């Protein structure tokens, strides 16, 4: 039996071949969204392999266990720098933990929020941008209808498939949003396929 997203996405003739390649994509909710967000910040602009090494070192600071936000805030700056994080990333990770303590970042609270409410809740954290929140919506909260218009991989994949001009960023963005509107309410799955296509998987 085909997944629910097939019917909607198969209407896009250009996307249809990717459905044949990736017929059974899955999304799931994760626990400990605060830590997931910290890990996402740590991994930015790093290869998957390097990001995994750094995250393993991070957990080792806490005896291999998942730390609480308070433990992250209490960890000396130099100790976090020592696992391979930049100054900025250390600050951003500790910003997330401090925000979680102050405002609460319980999983249940975030699960109940709409996509826009999650965006409004997390964007005030210094070091957390729109793209980072979109990744949390997709891969921590399991939301099916998120489109990462500013993601470079998505832009490159769509430019290749739909023959889009990448020189005018504003026009490219508008065109991408117009194309992706047809994929709703399953835009996350379309993004997942585009990333795989871009990576040649």
C-alpha atoms as a PDB file:
ATOM      1  CA  UNK A   1       0.000   0.000   0.000  1.00  0.00           C
ATOM      2  CA  UNK A   2       1.352   3.405  -1.000  1.00  0.00           C
ATOM      3  CA  UNK A   3       2.012   6.093   1.599  1.00  0.00           C
ATOM      4  CA  UNK A   4      -0.546   8.949   1.802  1.00  0.00           C
ATOM      5  CA  UNK A   5       1.891  11.470   0.314  1.00  0.00           C
ATOM      6  CA  UNK A   6       2.103   9.533  -2.972  1.00  0.00           C
ATOM      7  CA  UNK A   7      -1.270  10.628  -4.301  1.00  0.00           C
ATOM      8  CA  UNK A   8      -0.547  14.337  -3.828  1.00  0.00           C
ATOM      9  CA  UNK A   9       3.106  14.392  -4.908  1.00  0.00           C
ATOM     10  CA  UNK A  10       2.566  12.138  -7.943  1.00  0.00           C
ATOM     11  CA  UNK A  11       0.506  14.937  -9.543  1.00  0.00           C
ATOM     12  CA  UNK A  12       3.780  16.809 -10.046  1.00  0.00           C
ATOM     13  CA  UNK A  13       5.208  15.203 -13.211  1.00  0.00           C
ATOM     14  CA  UNK A  14       8.768  16.390 -12.437  1.00  0.00           C
ATOM     15  CA  UNK A  15       8.668  14.972  -8.911  1.00  0.00           C
ATOM     16  CA  UNK A  16       7.034  11.700  -9.940  1.00  0.00           C
ATOM     17  CA  UNK A  17      10.308   9.876 -10.830  1.00  0.00           C
ATOM     18  CA  UNK A  18      11.599  10.548  -7.299  1.00  0.00           C
ATOM     19  CA  UNK A  19       8.530   8.833  -5.848  1.00  0.00           C
ATOM     20  CA  UNK A  20       9.625   5.683  -7.663  1.00  0.00           C
ATOM     21  CA  UNK A  21      13.091   5.951  -6.098  1.00  0.00           C
ATOM     22  CA  UNK A  22      11.961   6.770  -2.554  1.00  0.00           C
ATOM     23  CA  UNK A  23       8.567   5.099  -2.116  1.00  0.00           C
ATOM     24  CA  UNK A  24       8.478   4.750   1.648  1.00  0.00           C
ATOM     25  CA  UNK A  25       9.823   7.752   3.547  1.00  0.00           C
ATOM     26  CA  UNK A  26       9.041   7.953   7.266  1.00  0.00           C
ATOM     27  CA  UNK A  27       8.812  10.776   9.792  1.00  0.00           C
ATOM     28  CA  UNK A  28       8.744  10.323  13.534  1.00  0.00           C
ATOM     29  CA  UNK A  29       8.539  12.377  16.698  1.00  0.00           C
ATOM     30  CA  UNK A  30      11.594  12.518  18.940  1.00  0.00           C
ATOM     31  CA  UNK A  31      11.824  13.025  22.666  1.00  0.00           C
ATOM     32  CA  UNK A  32      13.926  15.733  24.342  1.00  0.00           C
ATOM     33  CA  UNK A  33      13.430  18.477  21.751  1.00  0.00           C
ATOM     34  CA  UNK A  34      15.762  20.798  23.680  1.00  0.00           C
ATOM     35  CA  UNK A  35      18.683  18.389  23.238  1.00  0.00           C
ATOM     36  CA  UNK A  36      17.688  17.727  19.611  1.00  0.00           C
ATOM     37  CA  UNK A  37      17.878  21.479  18.965  1.00  0.00           C
ATOM     38  CA  UNK A  38      21.314  21.685  20.651  1.00  0.00           C
ATOM     39  CA  UNK A  39      22.550  18.774  18.510  1.00  0.00           C
ATOM     40  CA  UNK A  40      21.207  20.472  15.385  1.00  0.00           C
ATOM     41  CA  UNK A  41      23.193  23.639  16.181  1.00  0.00           C
ATOM     42  CA  UNK A  42      26.352  21.611  16.861  1.00  0.00           C
ATOM     43  CA  UNK A  43      26.074  19.815  13.511  1.00  0.00           C
ATOM     44  CA  UNK A  44      25.558  22.881  11.307  1.00  0.00           C
ATOM     45  CA  UNK A  45      28.095  23.236   8.457  1.00  0.00           C
ATOM     46  CA  UNK A  46      29.739  19.935   9.413  1.00  0.00           C
ATOM     47  CA  UNK A  47      29.736  16.579   7.653  1.00  0.00           C
ATOM     48  CA  UNK A  48      27.465  13.952   9.222  1.00  0.00           C
ATOM     49  CA  UNK A  49      30.524  11.965  10.347  1.00  0.00           C
ATOM     50  CA  UNK A  50      32.193  14.913  12.125  1.00  0.00           C
ATOM     51  CA  UNK A  51      28.876  15.971  13.685  1.00  0.00           C
ATOM     52  CA  UNK A  52      28.400  12.465  15.128  1.00  0.00           C
ATOM     53  CA  UNK A  53      31.901  12.503  16.651  1.00  0.00           C
ATOM     54  CA  UNK A  54      31.292  15.887  18.298  1.00  0.00           C
ATOM     55  CA  UNK A  55      27.884  14.857  19.641  1.00  0.00           C
ATOM     56  CA  UNK A  56      29.395  11.667  21.106  1.00  0.00           C
ATOM     57  CA  UNK A  57      32.072  13.785  22.835  1.00  0.00           C
ATOM     58  CA  UNK A  58      29.322  16.094  24.093  1.00  0.00           C
ATOM     59  CA  UNK A  59      27.418  13.199  25.728  1.00  0.00           C
ATOM     60  CA  UNK A  60      30.677  11.875  27.210  1.00  0.00           C
ATOM     61  CA  UNK A  61      30.938  15.130  29.207  1.00  0.00           C
ATOM     62  CA  UNK A  62      27.861  13.883  31.078  1.00  0.00           C
ATOM     63  CA  UNK A  63      28.862  10.238  31.490  1.00  0.00           C
ATOM     64  CA  UNK A  64      27.210   9.211  28.227  1.00  0.00           C
ATOM     65  CA  UNK A  65      23.783  10.337  29.465  1.00  0.00           C
ATOM     66  CA  UNK A  66      21.535  13.033  27.984  1.00  0.00           C
ATOM     67  CA  UNK A  67      22.187  16.201  29.995  1.00  0.00           C
ATOM     68  CA  UNK A  68      19.476  18.431  31.423  1.00  0.00           C
ATOM     69  CA  UNK A  69      19.336  22.075  30.294  1.00  0.00           C
ATOM     70  CA  UNK A  70      20.719  23.049  33.729  1.00  0.00           C
ATOM     71  CA  UNK A  71      23.732  20.759  33.288  1.00  0.00           C
ATOM     72  CA  UNK A  72      24.454  22.318  29.871  1.00  0.00           C
ATOM     73  CA  UNK A  73      24.256  25.851  31.307  1.00  0.00           C
ATOM     74  CA  UNK A  74      26.536  24.840  34.193  1.00  0.00           C
ATOM     75  CA  UNK A  75      29.190  23.322  31.896  1.00  0.00           C
ATOM     76  CA  UNK A  76      32.256  25.606  31.684  1.00  0.00           C
ATOM     77  CA  UNK A  77      32.664  27.362  28.326  1.00  0.00           C
ATOM     78  CA  UNK A  78      36.172  25.921  27.755  1.00  0.00           C
ATOM     79  CA  UNK A  79      34.943  22.381  28.388  1.00  0.00           C
ATOM     80  CA  UNK A  80      32.418  22.721  25.562  1.00  0.00           C
ATOM     81  CA  UNK A  81      35.043  24.373  23.341  1.00  0.00           C
ATOM     82  CA  UNK A  82      37.278  21.372  24.034  1.00  0.00           C
ATOM     83  CA  UNK A  83      34.963  18.909  22.222  1.00  0.00           C
ATOM     84  CA  UNK A  84      35.395  20.835  18.950  1.00  0.00           C
ATOM     85  CA  UNK A  85      32.668  23.475  19.094  1.00  0.00           C
ATOM     86  CA  UNK A  86      33.333  27.046  17.949  1.00  0.00           C
ATOM     87  CA  UNK A  87      32.884  29.952  20.373  1.00  0.00           C
ATOM     88  CA  UNK A  88      29.615  30.869  18.641  1.00  0.00           C
ATOM     89  CA  UNK A  89      28.225  27.325  18.821  1.00  0.00           C
ATOM     90  CA  UNK A  90      29.029  27.043  22.536  1.00  0.00           C
ATOM     91  CA  UNK A  91      27.119  30.284  23.149  1.00  0.00           C
ATOM     92  CA  UNK A  92      24.180  29.165  21.008  1.00  0.00           C
ATOM     93  CA  UNK A  93      23.913  25.742  22.678  1.00  0.00           C
ATOM     94  CA  UNK A  94      23.972  27.373  26.111  1.00  0.00           C
ATOM     95  CA  UNK A  95      21.414  29.948  24.900  1.00  0.00           C
ATOM     96  CA  UNK A  96      19.047  27.094  23.987  1.00  0.00           C
ATOM     97  CA  UNK A  97      19.517  25.463  27.398  1.00  0.00           C
ATOM     98  CA  UNK A  98      19.008  28.767  29.247  1.00  0.00           C
ATOM     99  CA  UNK A  99      15.863  29.496  27.206  1.00  0.00           C
ATOM    100  CA  UNK A 100      14.529  25.998  28.005  1.00  0.00           C
ATOM    101  CA  UNK A 101      14.996  26.654  31.736  1.00  0.00           C
ATOM    102  CA  UNK A 102      13.382  30.082  31.559  1.00  0.00           C
ATOM    103  CA  UNK A 103      10.497  29.389  29.165  1.00  0.00           C
ATOM    104  CA  UNK A 104      10.058  25.618  29.337  1.00  0.00           C
ATOM    105  CA  UNK A 105      10.711  23.416  26.324  1.00  0.00           C
ATOM    106  CA  UNK A 106       8.787  20.321  27.328  1.00  0.00           C
ATOM    107  CA  UNK A 107       8.104  17.913  24.480  1.00  0.00           C
ATOM    108  CA  UNK A 108       4.346  17.844  25.173  1.00  0.00           C
ATOM    109  CA  UNK A 109       4.177  21.636  24.977  1.00  0.00           C
ATOM    110  CA  UNK A 110       5.892  21.693  21.563  1.00  0.00           C
ATOM    111  CA  UNK A 111       3.890  18.713  20.232  1.00  0.00           C
ATOM    112  CA  UNK A 112       0.676  20.678  20.825  1.00  0.00           C
ATOM    113  CA  UNK A 113       1.867  23.828  19.017  1.00  0.00           C
ATOM    114  CA  UNK A 114       1.173  24.578  15.356  1.00  0.00           C
ATOM    115  CA  UNK A 115       4.182  24.996  13.038  1.00  0.00           C
ATOM    116  CA  UNK A 116       3.899  28.782  13.274  1.00  0.00           C
ATOM    117  CA  UNK A 117       3.630  28.665  17.071  1.00  0.00           C
ATOM    118  CA  UNK A 118       6.806  26.551  17.247  1.00  0.00           C
ATOM    119  CA  UNK A 119       8.512  29.065  14.945  1.00  0.00           C
ATOM    120  CA  UNK A 120       7.418  32.012  17.145  1.00  0.00           C
ATOM    121  CA  UNK A 121       8.482  30.155  20.292  1.00  0.00           C
ATOM    122  CA  UNK A 122      11.993  29.153  19.165  1.00  0.00           C
ATOM    123  CA  UNK A 123      13.103  32.055  16.934  1.00  0.00           C
ATOM    124  CA  UNK A 124      13.787  34.464  19.854  1.00  0.00           C
ATOM    125  CA  UNK A 125      16.733  32.229  20.893  1.00  0.00           C
ATOM    126  CA  UNK A 126      19.970  33.839  19.711  1.00  0.00           C
ATOM    127  CA  UNK A 127      21.639  31.443  17.298  1.00  0.00           C
ATOM    128  CA  UNK A 128      18.395  29.790  16.184  1.00  0.00           C
ATOM    129  CA  UNK A 129      17.232  30.821  12.719  1.00  0.00           C
ATOM    130  CA  UNK A 130      14.263  29.886  10.575  1.00  0.00           C
ATOM    131  CA  UNK A 131      16.089  26.992   8.872  1.00  0.00           C
ATOM    132  CA  UNK A 132      17.049  25.480  12.241  1.00  0.00           C
ATOM    133  CA  UNK A 133      13.416  25.574  13.404  1.00  0.00           C
ATOM    134  CA  UNK A 134      12.268  24.040  10.113  1.00  0.00           C
ATOM    135  CA  UNK A 135      14.646  21.120  10.742  1.00  0.00           C
ATOM    136  CA  UNK A 136      13.154  20.668  14.233  1.00  0.00           C
ATOM    137  CA  UNK A 137       9.639  20.728  12.812  1.00  0.00           C
ATOM    138  CA  UNK A 138      10.560  18.042  10.279  1.00  0.00           C
ATOM    139  CA  UNK A 139      12.914  15.755  12.141  1.00  0.00           C
ATOM    140  CA  UNK A 140      12.120  16.243  15.842  1.00  0.00           C
ATOM    141  CA  UNK A 141       8.387  16.977  15.732  1.00  0.00           C
ATOM    142  CA  UNK A 142       7.608  14.865  12.653  1.00  0.00           C
ATOM    143  CA  UNK A 143       5.585  17.551  10.858  1.00  0.00           C
ATOM    144  CA  UNK A 144       4.574  16.551   7.320  1.00  0.00           C
ATOM    145  CA  UNK A 145       4.035  19.961   5.721  1.00  0.00           C
ATOM    146  CA  UNK A 146       7.232  22.003   6.084  1.00  0.00           C
ATOM    147  CA  UNK A 147       9.115  23.532   3.154  1.00  0.00           C
ATOM    148  CA  UNK A 148      12.724  24.668   3.681  1.00  0.00           C
ATOM    149  CA  UNK A 149      12.837  27.297   0.929  1.00  0.00           C
ATOM    150  CA  UNK A 150      16.207  28.711   2.054  1.00  0.00           C
ATOM    151  CA  UNK A 151      17.994  25.355   2.224  1.00  0.00           C
ATOM    152  CA  UNK A 152      20.825  25.280  -0.309  1.00  0.00           C
ATOM    153  CA  UNK A 153      20.358  21.582  -1.087  1.00  0.00           C
ATOM    154  CA  UNK A 154      16.649  22.076  -1.814  1.00  0.00           C
ATOM    155  CA  UNK A 155      17.447  25.102  -3.999  1.00  0.00           C
ATOM    156  CA  UNK A 156      20.060  23.171  -5.992  1.00  0.00           C
ATOM    157  CA  UNK A 157      17.835  20.108  -6.424  1.00  0.00           C
ATOM    158  CA  UNK A 158      14.842  22.172  -7.563  1.00  0.00           C
ATOM    159  CA  UNK A 159      17.019  24.272  -9.871  1.00  0.00           C
ATOM    160  CA  UNK A 160      18.152  21.063 -11.554  1.00  0.00           C
ATOM    161  CA  UNK A 161      14.741  19.357 -11.777  1.00  0.00           C
ATOM    162  CA  UNK A 162      12.648  22.407 -12.701  1.00  0.00           C
ATOM    163  CA  UNK A 163      15.358  24.249 -14.688  1.00  0.00           C
ATOM    164  CA  UNK A 164      15.214  27.307 -12.424  1.00  0.00           C
ATOM    165  CA  UNK A 165      17.493  30.327 -12.736  1.00  0.00           C
ATOM    166  CA  UNK A 166      19.547  30.615  -9.543  1.00  0.00           C
ATOM    167  CA  UNK A 167      21.076  34.040 -10.266  1.00  0.00           C
ATOM    168  CA  UNK A 168      18.071  36.037  -9.001  1.00  0.00           C
ATOM    169  CA  UNK A 169      17.586  34.794  -5.443  1.00  0.00           C
ATOM    170  CA  UNK A 170      14.295  36.607  -4.893  1.00  0.00           C
ATOM    171  CA  UNK A 171      12.755  35.253  -8.109  1.00  0.00           C
ATOM    172  CA  UNK A 172      14.120  31.769  -7.320  1.00  0.00           C
ATOM    173  CA  UNK A 173      12.506  31.838  -3.883  1.00  0.00           C
ATOM    174  CA  UNK A 174       9.135  32.938  -5.290  1.00  0.00           C
ATOM    175  CA  UNK A 175       9.228  30.255  -7.973  1.00  0.00           C
ATOM    176  CA  UNK A 176      10.116  27.566  -5.426  1.00  0.00           C
ATOM    177  CA  UNK A 177       7.269  28.606  -3.135  1.00  0.00           C
ATOM    178  CA  UNK A 178       4.840  28.514  -6.053  1.00  0.00           C
ATOM    179  CA  UNK A 179       5.944  25.021  -7.110  1.00  0.00           C
ATOM    180  CA  UNK A 180       5.945  23.686  -3.536  1.00  0.00           C
ATOM    181  CA  UNK A 181       2.429  24.968  -2.817  1.00  0.00           C
ATOM    182  CA  UNK A 182       1.131  22.058  -4.940  1.00  0.00           C
ATOM    183  CA  UNK A 183       2.856  19.573  -2.606  1.00  0.00           C
ATOM    184  CA  UNK A 184       0.893  20.614   0.480  1.00  0.00           C
ATOM    185  CA  UNK A 185       0.096  18.983   2.930  1.00  0.00           C
ATOM    186  CA  UNK A 186       3.156  16.753   2.331  1.00  0.00           C
ATOM    187  CA  UNK A 187       5.926  19.227   1.607  1.00  0.00           C
ATOM    188  CA  UNK A 188       8.310  17.638   4.140  1.00  0.00           C
ATOM    189  CA  UNK A 189       8.349  14.390   2.140  1.00  0.00           C
ATOM    190  CA  UNK A 190       9.076  16.350  -1.044  1.00  0.00           C
ATOM    191  CA  UNK A 191      12.037  17.999   0.733  1.00  0.00           C
ATOM    192  CA  UNK A 192      13.309  14.599   1.898  1.00  0.00           C
ATOM    193  CA  UNK A 193      13.191  13.312  -1.686  1.00  0.00           C
ATOM    194  CA  UNK A 194      14.945  16.412  -3.012  1.00  0.00           C
ATOM    195  CA  UNK A 195      17.764  16.054  -0.461  1.00  0.00           C
ATOM    196  CA  UNK A 196      18.251  12.413  -1.422  1.00  0.00           C
ATOM    197  CA  UNK A 197      18.232  13.337  -5.103  1.00  0.00           C
ATOM    198  CA  UNK A 198      20.823  16.064  -4.470  1.00  0.00           C
ATOM    199  CA  UNK A 199      23.051  13.637  -2.520  1.00  0.00           C
ATOM    200  CA  UNK A 200      22.700  11.019  -5.247  1.00  0.00           C
ATOM    201  CA  UNK A 201      21.224   8.443  -2.859  1.00  0.00           C
END
